[in-house]
Amino acid sequence: MTLPPLEDSTTCSTYQLTRLISHIGKHTGSGHYVAHVLVPGQPPSSSPPQWIIFNDKKVAELEHPPVKHAYLYLFQRIDTLGASSSSLLRPAGRRRPLYH
């Protein structure tokens, strides 16, 4: 499942949902939280991105992540997908402020 990118008109940036946290259980006081991560396709086959669920020691592919029922959504700016975290911390010319 690939979701359409989210566009932010205030910063002229486009974001992709890459991770989310969901809860398994009847109540927030019982059960536990699991992580869902979108892994980009790997060259040279250019396979499509794949969602992976991390549930304690169990890791598995996931066809349909529970997007509508997640507690936490994490997005990444499209032009930084695949970039290392150290390259994202370097100054890169003029940037618009995150908050106005």
PDB file of N, CA and C in Angstrom:
ATOM      1  N   MET A   1       0.850  -1.172   0.000  1.00  0.00           N
ATOM      2  CA  MET A   1       0.000   0.000   0.000  1.00  0.00           C
ATOM      3  C   MET A   1       0.893   1.232   0.000  1.00  0.00           C
ATOM      4  N   THR A   2       0.777   2.051  -1.011  1.00  0.00           N
ATOM      5  CA  THR A   2       1.513   3.300  -1.065  1.00  0.00           C
ATOM      6  C   THR A   2       0.507   4.436  -1.004  1.00  0.00           C
ATOM      7  N   LEU A   3       0.696   5.329  -0.076  1.00  0.00           N
ATOM      8  CA  LEU A   3      -0.225   6.445   0.090  1.00  0.00           C
ATOM      9  C   LEU A   3       0.248   7.628  -0.733  1.00  0.00           C
ATOM     10  N   PRO A   4      -0.669   8.464  -1.196  1.00  0.00           N
ATOM     11  CA  PRO A   4      -0.253   9.643  -1.953  1.00  0.00           C
ATOM     12  C   PRO A   4       0.524  10.602  -1.064  1.00  0.00           C
ATOM     13  N   PRO A   5       1.500  11.310  -1.647  1.00  0.00           N
ATOM     14  CA  PRO A   5       2.281  12.279  -0.859  1.00  0.00           C
ATOM     15  C   PRO A   5       1.401  13.402  -0.328  1.00  0.00           C
ATOM     16  N   LEU A   6       1.837  13.993   0.764  1.00  0.00           N
ATOM     17  CA  LEU A   6       1.165  15.121   1.394  1.00  0.00           C
ATOM     18  C   LEU A   6       1.907  16.384   0.998  1.00  0.00           C
ATOM     19  N   GLU A   7       1.208  17.362   0.459  1.00  0.00           N
ATOM     20  CA  GLU A   7       1.852  18.602   0.033  1.00  0.00           C
ATOM     21  C   GLU A   7       1.605  19.701   1.048  1.00  0.00           C
ATOM     22  N   ASP A   8       2.653  20.456   1.360  1.00  0.00           N
ATOM     23  CA  ASP A   8       2.594  21.575   2.290  1.00  0.00           C
ATOM     24  C   ASP A   8       2.799  22.850   1.496  1.00  0.00           C
ATOM     25  N   SER A   9       1.733  23.590   1.286  1.00  0.00           N
ATOM     26  CA  SER A   9       1.820  24.793   0.446  1.00  0.00           C
ATOM     27  C   SER A   9       2.602  25.921   1.118  1.00  0.00           C
ATOM     28  N   THR A  10       2.743  25.891   2.447  1.00  0.00           N
ATOM     29  CA  THR A  10       3.468  26.974   3.121  1.00  0.00           C
ATOM     30  C   THR A  10       4.975  26.850   2.918  1.00  0.00           C
ATOM     31  N   THR A  11       5.484  25.649   2.716  1.00  0.00           N
ATOM     32  CA  THR A  11       6.928  25.463   2.526  1.00  0.00           C
ATOM     33  C   THR A  11       7.274  24.972   1.126  1.00  0.00           C
ATOM     34  N   CYS A  12       6.262  24.771   0.279  1.00  0.00           N
ATOM     35  CA  CYS A  12       6.473  24.255  -1.077  1.00  0.00           C
ATOM     36  C   CYS A  12       7.179  22.901  -1.034  1.00  0.00           C
ATOM     37  N   SER A  13       6.861  22.089  -0.056  1.00  0.00           N
ATOM     38  CA  SER A  13       7.472  20.769   0.102  1.00  0.00           C
ATOM     39  C   SER A  13       6.404  19.696   0.009  1.00  0.00           C
ATOM     40  N   THR A  14       6.839  18.496  -0.338  1.00  0.00           N
ATOM     41  CA  THR A  14       5.963  17.340  -0.402  1.00  0.00           C
ATOM     42  C   THR A  14       6.502  16.281   0.554  1.00  0.00           C
ATOM     43  N   TYR A  15       5.608  15.655   1.305  1.00  0.00           N
ATOM     44  CA  TYR A  15       5.984  14.689   2.329  1.00  0.00           C
ATOM     45  C   TYR A  15       5.356  13.327   2.051  1.00  0.00           C
ATOM     46  N   GLN A  16       6.070  12.268   2.444  1.00  0.00           N
ATOM     47  CA  GLN A  16       5.583  10.902   2.292  1.00  0.00           C
ATOM     48  C   GLN A  16       5.502  10.254   3.664  1.00  0.00           C
ATOM     49  N   LEU A  17       4.399   9.567   3.941  1.00  0.00           N
ATOM     50  CA  LEU A  17       4.287   8.812   5.181  1.00  0.00           C
ATOM     51  C   LEU A  17       5.279   7.660   5.122  1.00  0.00           C
ATOM     52  N   THR A  18       6.209   7.592   6.085  1.00  0.00           N
ATOM     53  CA  THR A  18       7.239   6.555   6.067  1.00  0.00           C
ATOM     54  C   THR A  18       7.214   5.659   7.304  1.00  0.00           C
ATOM     55  N   ARG A  19       6.535   6.083   8.364  1.00  0.00           N
ATOM     56  CA  ARG A  19       6.476   5.293   9.588  1.00  0.00           C
ATOM     57  C   ARG A  19       5.192   5.638  10.338  1.00  0.00           C
ATOM     58  N   LEU A  20       4.699   4.679  11.092  1.00  0.00           N
ATOM     59  CA  LEU A  20       3.581   4.959  11.976  1.00  0.00           C
ATOM     60  C   LEU A  20       3.618   3.989  13.147  1.00  0.00           C
ATOM     61  N   ILE A  21       3.001   4.410  14.235  1.00  0.00           N
ATOM     62  CA  ILE A  21       2.911   3.610  15.447  1.00  0.00           C
ATOM     63  C   ILE A  21       1.434   3.312  15.680  1.00  0.00           C
ATOM     64  N   SER A  22       1.122   2.042  15.923  1.00  0.00           N
ATOM     65  CA  SER A  22      -0.262   1.671  16.216  1.00  0.00           C
ATOM     66  C   SER A  22      -0.306   0.838  17.495  1.00  0.00           C
ATOM     67  N   HIS A  23      -1.516   0.636  18.007  1.00  0.00           N
ATOM     68  CA  HIS A  23      -1.718  -0.078  19.264  1.00  0.00           C
ATOM     69  C   HIS A  23      -2.492  -1.355  18.996  1.00  0.00           C
ATOM     70  N   ILE A  24      -2.042  -2.441  19.619  1.00  0.00           N
ATOM     71  CA  ILE A  24      -2.757  -3.709  19.539  1.00  0.00           C
ATOM     72  C   ILE A  24      -3.315  -3.987  20.932  1.00  0.00           C
ATOM     73  N   GLY A  25      -4.633  -4.088  21.050  1.00  0.00           N
ATOM     74  CA  GLY A  25      -5.275  -4.324  22.335  1.00  0.00           C
ATOM     75  C   GLY A  25      -6.580  -3.566  22.421  1.00  0.00           C
ATOM     76  N   LYS A  26      -7.399  -3.900  23.400  1.00  0.00           N
ATOM     77  CA  LYS A  26      -8.715  -3.272  23.543  1.00  0.00           C
ATOM     78  C   LYS A  26      -8.638  -1.870  24.116  1.00  0.00           C
ATOM     79  N   HIS A  27      -7.641  -1.621  24.997  1.00  0.00           N
ATOM     80  CA  HIS A  27      -7.530  -0.333  25.668  1.00  0.00           C
ATOM     81  C   HIS A  27      -6.071   0.105  25.659  1.00  0.00           C
ATOM     82  N   THR A  28      -5.843   1.412  25.819  1.00  0.00           N
ATOM     83  CA  THR A  28      -4.463   1.893  25.878  1.00  0.00           C
ATOM     84  C   THR A  28      -3.754   1.419  27.138  1.00  0.00           C
ATOM     85  N   GLY A  29      -4.516   1.013  28.147  1.00  0.00           N
ATOM     86  CA  GLY A  29      -3.921   0.501  29.378  1.00  0.00           C
ATOM     87  C   GLY A  29      -3.495  -0.952  29.283  1.00  0.00           C
ATOM     88  N   SER A  30      -3.918  -1.635  28.234  1.00  0.00           N
ATOM     89  CA  SER A  30      -3.505  -3.028  28.027  1.00  0.00           C
ATOM     90  C   SER A  30      -3.147  -3.210  26.557  1.00  0.00           C
ATOM     91  N   GLY A  31      -2.401  -4.249  26.276  1.00  0.00           N
ATOM     92  CA  GLY A  31      -1.920  -4.454  24.916  1.00  0.00           C
ATOM     93  C   GLY A  31      -0.556  -3.812  24.758  1.00  0.00           C
ATOM     94  N   HIS A  32      -0.153  -3.557  23.527  1.00  0.00           N
ATOM     95  CA  HIS A  32       1.133  -2.892  23.314  1.00  0.00           C
ATOM     96  C   HIS A  32       1.170  -2.190  21.966  1.00  0.00           C
ATOM     97  N   TYR A  33       2.189  -1.375  21.795  1.00  0.00           N
ATOM     98  CA  TYR A  33       2.350  -0.589  20.586  1.00  0.00           C
ATOM     99  C   TYR A  33       3.317  -1.289  19.644  1.00  0.00           C
ATOM    100  N   VAL A  34       3.084  -1.146  18.346  1.00  0.00           N
ATOM    101  CA  VAL A  34       3.962  -1.722  17.330  1.00  0.00           C
ATOM    102  C   VAL A  34       4.326  -0.632  16.322  1.00  0.00           C
ATOM    103  N   ALA A  35       5.449  -0.823  15.653  1.00  0.00           N
ATOM    104  CA  ALA A  35       5.923   0.142  14.655  1.00  0.00           C
ATOM    105  C   ALA A  35       5.742  -0.426  13.257  1.00  0.00           C
ATOM    106  N   HIS A  36       5.383   0.448  12.327  1.00  0.00           N
ATOM    107  CA  HIS A  36       5.236   0.095  10.921  1.00  0.00           C
ATOM    108  C   HIS A  36       6.186   1.012  10.146  1.00  0.00           C
ATOM    109  N   VAL A  37       7.037   0.434   9.306  1.00  0.00           N
ATOM    110  CA  VAL A  37       8.056   1.206   8.589  1.00  0.00           C
ATOM    111  C   VAL A  37       7.940   0.919   7.104  1.00  0.00           C
ATOM    112  N   LEU A  38       7.956   1.974   6.301  1.00  0.00           N
ATOM    113  CA  LEU A  38       7.951   1.827   4.849  1.00  0.00           C
ATOM    114  C   LEU A  38       9.391   1.736   4.367  1.00  0.00           C
ATOM    115  N   VAL A  39       9.759   0.581   3.803  1.00  0.00           N
ATOM    116  CA  VAL A  39      11.114   0.354   3.311  1.00  0.00           C
ATOM    117  C   VAL A  39      11.107   0.604   1.813  1.00  0.00           C
ATOM    118  N   PRO A  40      11.970   1.519   1.335  1.00  0.00           N
ATOM    119  CA  PRO A  40      11.979   1.816  -0.100  1.00  0.00           C
ATOM    120  C   PRO A  40      12.390   0.607  -0.921  1.00  0.00           C
ATOM    121  N   GLY A  41      11.964   0.583  -2.186  1.00  0.00           N
ATOM    122  CA  GLY A  41      12.361  -0.477  -3.102  1.00  0.00           C
ATOM    123  C   GLY A  41      13.868  -0.471  -3.297  1.00  0.00           C
ATOM    124  N   GLN A  42      14.435  -1.638  -3.527  1.00  0.00           N
ATOM    125  CA  GLN A  42      15.882  -1.769  -3.655  1.00  0.00           C
ATOM    126  C   GLN A  42      16.295  -1.925  -5.120  1.00  0.00           C
ATOM    127  N   PRO A  43      17.297  -1.155  -5.558  1.00  0.00           N
ATOM    128  CA  PRO A  43      17.812  -1.348  -6.908  1.00  0.00           C
ATOM    129  C   PRO A  43      18.567  -2.670  -6.976  1.00  0.00           C
ATOM    130  N   PRO A  44      18.797  -3.290  -8.086  1.00  0.00           N
ATOM    131  CA  PRO A  44      18.486  -2.781  -9.416  1.00  0.00           C
ATOM    132  C   PRO A  44      17.079  -3.107  -9.874  1.00  0.00           C
ATOM    133  N   SER A  45      16.335  -3.897  -9.103  1.00  0.00           N
ATOM    134  CA  SER A  45      15.013  -4.330  -9.560  1.00  0.00           C
ATOM    135  C   SER A  45      13.967  -3.229  -9.484  1.00  0.00           C
ATOM    136  N   SER A  46      14.257  -2.159  -8.755  1.00  0.00           N
ATOM    137  CA  SER A  46      13.300  -1.064  -8.550  1.00  0.00           C
ATOM    138  C   SER A  46      11.969  -1.598  -8.042  1.00  0.00           C
ATOM    139  N   SER A  47      12.047  -2.512  -7.085  1.00  0.00           N
ATOM    140  CA  SER A  47      10.835  -3.071  -6.498  1.00  0.00           C
ATOM    141  C   SER A  47      10.069  -1.967  -5.776  1.00  0.00           C
ATOM    142  N   PRO A  48       8.755  -2.118  -5.636  1.00  0.00           N
ATOM    143  CA  PRO A  48       7.979  -1.083  -4.947  1.00  0.00           C
ATOM    144  C   PRO A  48       8.301  -1.054  -3.456  1.00  0.00           C
ATOM    145  N   PRO A  49       8.019   0.059  -2.787  1.00  0.00           N
ATOM    146  CA  PRO A  49       8.229   0.133  -1.337  1.00  0.00           C
ATOM    147  C   PRO A  49       7.388  -0.924  -0.633  1.00  0.00           C
ATOM    148  N   GLN A  50       7.860  -1.386   0.516  1.00  0.00           N
ATOM    149  CA  GLN A  50       7.175  -2.432   1.263  1.00  0.00           C
ATOM    150  C   GLN A  50       7.028  -2.006   2.723  1.00  0.00           C
ATOM    151  N   TRP A  51       5.830  -2.169   3.284  1.00  0.00           N
ATOM    152  CA  TRP A  51       5.611  -1.902   4.698  1.00  0.00           C
ATOM    153  C   TRP A  51       6.066  -3.105   5.517  1.00  0.00           C
ATOM    154  N   ILE A  52       6.768  -2.830   6.626  1.00  0.00           N
ATOM    155  CA  ILE A  52       7.253  -3.852   7.545  1.00  0.00           C
ATOM    156  C   ILE A  52       6.682  -3.529   8.931  1.00  0.00           C
ATOM    157  N   ILE A  53       6.212  -4.564   9.645  1.00  0.00           N
ATOM    158  CA  ILE A  53       5.724  -4.380  11.013  1.00  0.00           C
ATOM    159  C   ILE A  53       6.760  -4.936  11.985  1.00  0.00           C
ATOM    160  N   PHE A  54       7.036  -4.158  13.022  1.00  0.00           N
ATOM    161  CA  PHE A  54       7.950  -4.561  14.097  1.00  0.00           C
ATOM    162  C   PHE A  54       7.108  -4.754  15.351  1.00  0.00           C
ATOM    163  N   ASN A  55       6.921  -6.000  15.738  1.00  0.00           N
ATOM    164  CA  ASN A  55       6.072  -6.367  16.858  1.00  0.00           C
ATOM    165  C   ASN A  55       6.919  -7.192  17.823  1.00  0.00           C
ATOM    166  N   ASP A  56       7.563  -6.523  18.768  1.00  0.00           N
ATOM    167  CA  ASP A  56       8.511  -7.156  19.685  1.00  0.00           C
ATOM    168  C   ASP A  56       9.594  -7.870  18.872  1.00  0.00           C
ATOM    169  N   LYS A  57       9.729  -9.171  19.033  1.00  0.00           N
ATOM    170  CA  LYS A  57      10.769  -9.908  18.311  1.00  0.00           C
ATOM    171  C   LYS A  57      10.306 -10.361  16.924  1.00  0.00           C
ATOM    172  N   LYS A  58       9.043 -10.137  16.612  1.00  0.00           N
ATOM    173  CA  LYS A  58       8.500 -10.557  15.313  1.00  0.00           C
ATOM    174  C   LYS A  58       8.576  -9.403  14.322  1.00  0.00           C
ATOM    175  N   VAL A  59       9.147  -9.685  13.160  1.00  0.00           N
ATOM    176  CA  VAL A  59       9.235  -8.709  12.083  1.00  0.00           C
ATOM    177  C   VAL A  59       8.658  -9.375  10.838  1.00  0.00           C
ATOM    178  N   ALA A  60       7.732  -8.691  10.168  1.00  0.00           N
ATOM    179  CA  ALA A  60       7.087  -9.299   9.006  1.00  0.00           C
ATOM    180  C   ALA A  60       6.684  -8.234   7.996  1.00  0.00           C
ATOM    181  N   GLU A  61       6.515  -8.665   6.743  1.00  0.00           N
ATOM    182  CA  GLU A  61       5.981  -7.776   5.718  1.00  0.00           C
ATOM    183  C   GLU A  61       4.502  -7.560   5.998  1.00  0.00           C
ATOM    184  N   LEU A  62       4.016  -6.411   5.606  1.00  0.00           N
ATOM    185  CA  LEU A  62       2.630  -6.043   5.883  1.00  0.00           C
ATOM    186  C   LEU A  62       2.045  -5.425   4.625  1.00  0.00           C
ATOM    187  N   GLU A  63       0.959  -5.988   4.128  1.00  0.00           N
ATOM    188  CA  GLU A  63       0.366  -5.474   2.897  1.00  0.00           C
ATOM    189  C   GLU A  63      -0.418  -4.184   3.117  1.00  0.00           C
ATOM    190  N   HIS A  64      -1.166  -4.117   4.218  1.00  0.00           N
ATOM    191  CA  HIS A  64      -2.008  -2.946   4.490  1.00  0.00           C
ATOM    192  C   HIS A  64      -1.788  -2.464   5.927  1.00  0.00           C
ATOM    193  N   PRO A  65      -0.955  -1.445   6.125  1.00  0.00           N
ATOM    194  CA  PRO A  65      -0.768  -0.932   7.491  1.00  0.00           C
ATOM    195  C   PRO A  65      -2.049  -0.248   7.976  1.00  0.00           C
ATOM    196  N   PRO A  66      -2.276  -0.227   9.288  1.00  0.00           N
ATOM    197  CA  PRO A  66      -3.497   0.362   9.843  1.00  0.00           C
ATOM    198  C   PRO A  66      -3.445   1.895   9.888  1.00  0.00           C
ATOM    199  N   VAL A  67      -3.367   2.500   8.729  1.00  0.00           N
ATOM    200  CA  VAL A  67      -3.168   3.954   8.633  1.00  0.00           C
ATOM    201  C   VAL A  67      -4.278   4.731   9.345  1.00  0.00           C
ATOM    202  N   LYS A  68      -5.506   4.304   9.212  1.00  0.00           N
ATOM    203  CA  LYS A  68      -6.624   5.040   9.819  1.00  0.00           C
ATOM    204  C   LYS A  68      -6.663   4.903  11.338  1.00  0.00           C
ATOM    205  N   HIS A  69      -5.931   3.929  11.895  1.00  0.00           N
ATOM    206  CA  HIS A  69      -6.015   3.660  13.330  1.00  0.00           C
ATOM    207  C   HIS A  69      -4.696   3.878  14.058  1.00  0.00           C
ATOM    208  N   ALA A  70      -3.761   4.549  13.444  1.00  0.00           N
ATOM    209  CA  ALA A  70      -2.452   4.766  14.073  1.00  0.00           C
ATOM    210  C   ALA A  70      -2.539   5.874  15.120  1.00  0.00           C
ATOM    211  N   TYR A  71      -1.599   5.844  16.067  1.00  0.00           N
ATOM    212  CA  TYR A  71      -1.504   6.872  17.105  1.00  0.00           C
ATOM    213  C   TYR A  71      -0.499   7.947  16.738  1.00  0.00           C
ATOM    214  N   LEU A  72       0.518   7.565  15.986  1.00  0.00           N
ATOM    215  CA  LEU A  72       1.587   8.499  15.648  1.00  0.00           C
ATOM    216  C   LEU A  72       1.959   8.298  14.187  1.00  0.00           C
ATOM    217  N   TYR A  73       2.030   9.395  13.439  1.00  0.00           N
ATOM    218  CA  TYR A  73       2.378   9.355  12.019  1.00  0.00           C
ATOM    219  C   TYR A  73       3.681  10.115  11.818  1.00  0.00           C
ATOM    220  N   LEU A  74       4.613   9.533  11.103  1.00  0.00           N
ATOM    221  CA  LEU A  74       5.895  10.181  10.821  1.00  0.00           C
ATOM    222  C   LEU A  74       6.053  10.329   9.311  1.00  0.00           C
ATOM    223  N   PHE A  75       6.318  11.555   8.893  1.00  0.00           N
ATOM    224  CA  PHE A  75       6.469  11.860   7.475  1.00  0.00           C
ATOM    225  C   PHE A  75       7.905  12.283   7.194  1.00  0.00           C
ATOM    226  N   GLN A  76       8.348  12.085   5.962  1.00  0.00           N
ATOM    227  CA  GLN A  76       9.664  12.545   5.544  1.00  0.00           C
ATOM    228  C   GLN A  76       9.495  13.343   4.260  1.00  0.00           C
ATOM    229  N   ARG A  77      10.219  14.456   4.200  1.00  0.00           N
ATOM    230  CA  ARG A  77      10.159  15.285   3.007  1.00  0.00           C
ATOM    231  C   ARG A  77      10.679  14.476   1.816  1.00  0.00           C
ATOM    232  N   ILE A  78       9.971  14.507   0.703  1.00  0.00           N
ATOM    233  CA  ILE A  78      10.288  13.681  -0.467  1.00  0.00           C
ATOM    234  C   ILE A  78      11.729  13.872  -0.930  1.00  0.00           C
ATOM    235  N   ASP A  79      12.235  15.090  -0.942  1.00  0.00           N
ATOM    236  CA  ASP A  79      13.590  15.308  -1.461  1.00  0.00           C
ATOM    237  C   ASP A  79      14.674  14.815  -0.512  1.00  0.00           C
ATOM    238  N   THR A  80      14.291  14.265   0.656  1.00  0.00           N
ATOM    239  CA  THR A  80      15.279  13.713   1.577  1.00  0.00           C
ATOM    240  C   THR A  80      15.148  12.201   1.706  1.00  0.00           C
ATOM    241  N   LEU A  81      14.206  11.564   1.011  1.00  0.00           N
ATOM    242  CA  LEU A  81      14.049  10.114   1.090  1.00  0.00           C
ATOM    243  C   LEU A  81      15.332   9.437   0.647  1.00  0.00           C
ATOM    244  N   GLY A  82      15.815   8.510   1.438  1.00  0.00           N
ATOM    245  CA  GLY A  82      17.037   7.789   1.106  1.00  0.00           C
ATOM    246  C   GLY A  82      18.307   8.491   1.533  1.00  0.00           C
ATOM    247  N   ALA A  83      18.206   9.717   2.024  1.00  0.00           N
ATOM    248  CA  ALA A  83      19.395  10.454   2.463  1.00  0.00           C
ATOM    249  C   ALA A  83      19.808   9.987   3.849  1.00  0.00           C
ATOM    250  N   SER A  84      21.099  10.026   4.118  1.00  0.00           N
ATOM    251  CA  SER A  84      21.579   9.659   5.451  1.00  0.00           C
ATOM    252  C   SER A  84      21.252  10.787   6.422  1.00  0.00           C
ATOM    253  N   SER A  85      21.141  10.455   7.701  1.00  0.00           N
ATOM    254  CA  SER A  85      20.799  11.472   8.693  1.00  0.00           C
ATOM    255  C   SER A  85      21.884  12.533   8.794  1.00  0.00           C
ATOM    256  N   SER A  86      23.150  12.169   8.573  1.00  0.00           N
ATOM    257  CA  SER A  86      24.220  13.167   8.664  1.00  0.00           C
ATOM    258  C   SER A  86      24.115  14.183   7.527  1.00  0.00           C
ATOM    259  N   SER A  87      23.671  13.751   6.344  1.00  0.00           N
ATOM    260  CA  SER A  87      23.545  14.701   5.241  1.00  0.00           C
ATOM    261  C   SER A  87      22.369  15.645   5.459  1.00  0.00           C
ATOM    262  N   LEU A  88      21.391  15.223   6.234  1.00  0.00           N
ATOM    263  CA  LEU A  88      20.240  16.087   6.508  1.00  0.00           C
ATOM    264  C   LEU A  88      20.574  17.173   7.516  1.00  0.00           C
ATOM    265  N   LEU A  89      21.640  16.987   8.292  1.00  0.00           N
ATOM    266  CA  LEU A  89      22.010  17.951   9.311  1.00  0.00           C
ATOM    267  C   LEU A  89      22.930  19.044   8.780  1.00  0.00           C
ATOM    268  N   ARG A  90      23.501  18.856   7.588  1.00  0.00           N
ATOM    269  CA  ARG A  90      24.394  19.868   7.016  1.00  0.00           C
ATOM    270  C   ARG A  90      23.583  21.065   6.532  1.00  0.00           C
ATOM    271  N   PRO A  91      24.114  22.269   6.669  1.00  0.00           N
ATOM    272  CA  PRO A  91      23.427  23.437   6.110  1.00  0.00           C
ATOM    273  C   PRO A  91      23.316  23.292   4.595  1.00  0.00           C
ATOM    274  N   ALA A  92      22.174  23.648   4.063  1.00  0.00           N
ATOM    275  CA  ALA A  92      21.948  23.482   2.623  1.00  0.00           C
ATOM    276  C   ALA A  92      21.360  24.752   2.036  1.00  0.00           C
ATOM    277  N   GLY A  93      22.139  25.793   1.958  1.00  0.00           N
ATOM    278  CA  GLY A  93      21.671  27.024   1.338  1.00  0.00           C
ATOM    279  C   GLY A  93      20.530  27.655   2.114  1.00  0.00           C
ATOM    280  N   ARG A  94      19.732  28.429   1.423  1.00  0.00           N
ATOM    281  CA  ARG A  94      18.622  29.135   2.049  1.00  0.00           C
ATOM    282  C   ARG A  94      17.463  28.181   2.295  1.00  0.00           C
ATOM    283  N   ARG A  95      16.987  28.148   3.515  1.00  0.00           N
ATOM    284  CA  ARG A  95      15.831  27.332   3.866  1.00  0.00           C
ATOM    285  C   ARG A  95      14.772  28.215   4.487  1.00  0.00           C
ATOM    286  N   ARG A  96      13.544  27.862   4.259  1.00  0.00           N
ATOM    287  CA  ARG A  96      12.447  28.585   4.881  1.00  0.00           C
ATOM    288  C   ARG A  96      12.293  28.123   6.328  1.00  0.00           C
ATOM    289  N   PRO A  97      11.870  29.005   7.229  1.00  0.00           N
ATOM    290  CA  PRO A  97      11.662  28.585   8.615  1.00  0.00           C
ATOM    291  C   PRO A  97      10.534  27.562   8.704  1.00  0.00           C
ATOM    292  N   LEU A  98      10.670  26.636   9.656  1.00  0.00           N
ATOM    293  CA  LEU A  98       9.646  25.608   9.847  1.00  0.00           C
ATOM    294  C   LEU A  98       8.358  26.220  10.376  1.00  0.00           C
ATOM    295  N   TYR A  99       8.484  27.168  11.304  1.00  0.00           N
ATOM    296  CA  TYR A  99       7.300  27.825  11.875  1.00  0.00           C
ATOM    297  C   TYR A  99       7.370  29.324  11.577  1.00  0.00           C
ATOM    298  N   HIS A 100       6.235  29.920  11.356  1.00  0.00           N
ATOM    299  CA  HIS A 100       6.178  31.363  11.065  1.00  0.00           C
ATOM    300  C   HIS A 100       5.713  32.123  12.264  1.00  0.00           C
TER     301      HIS A 100
END
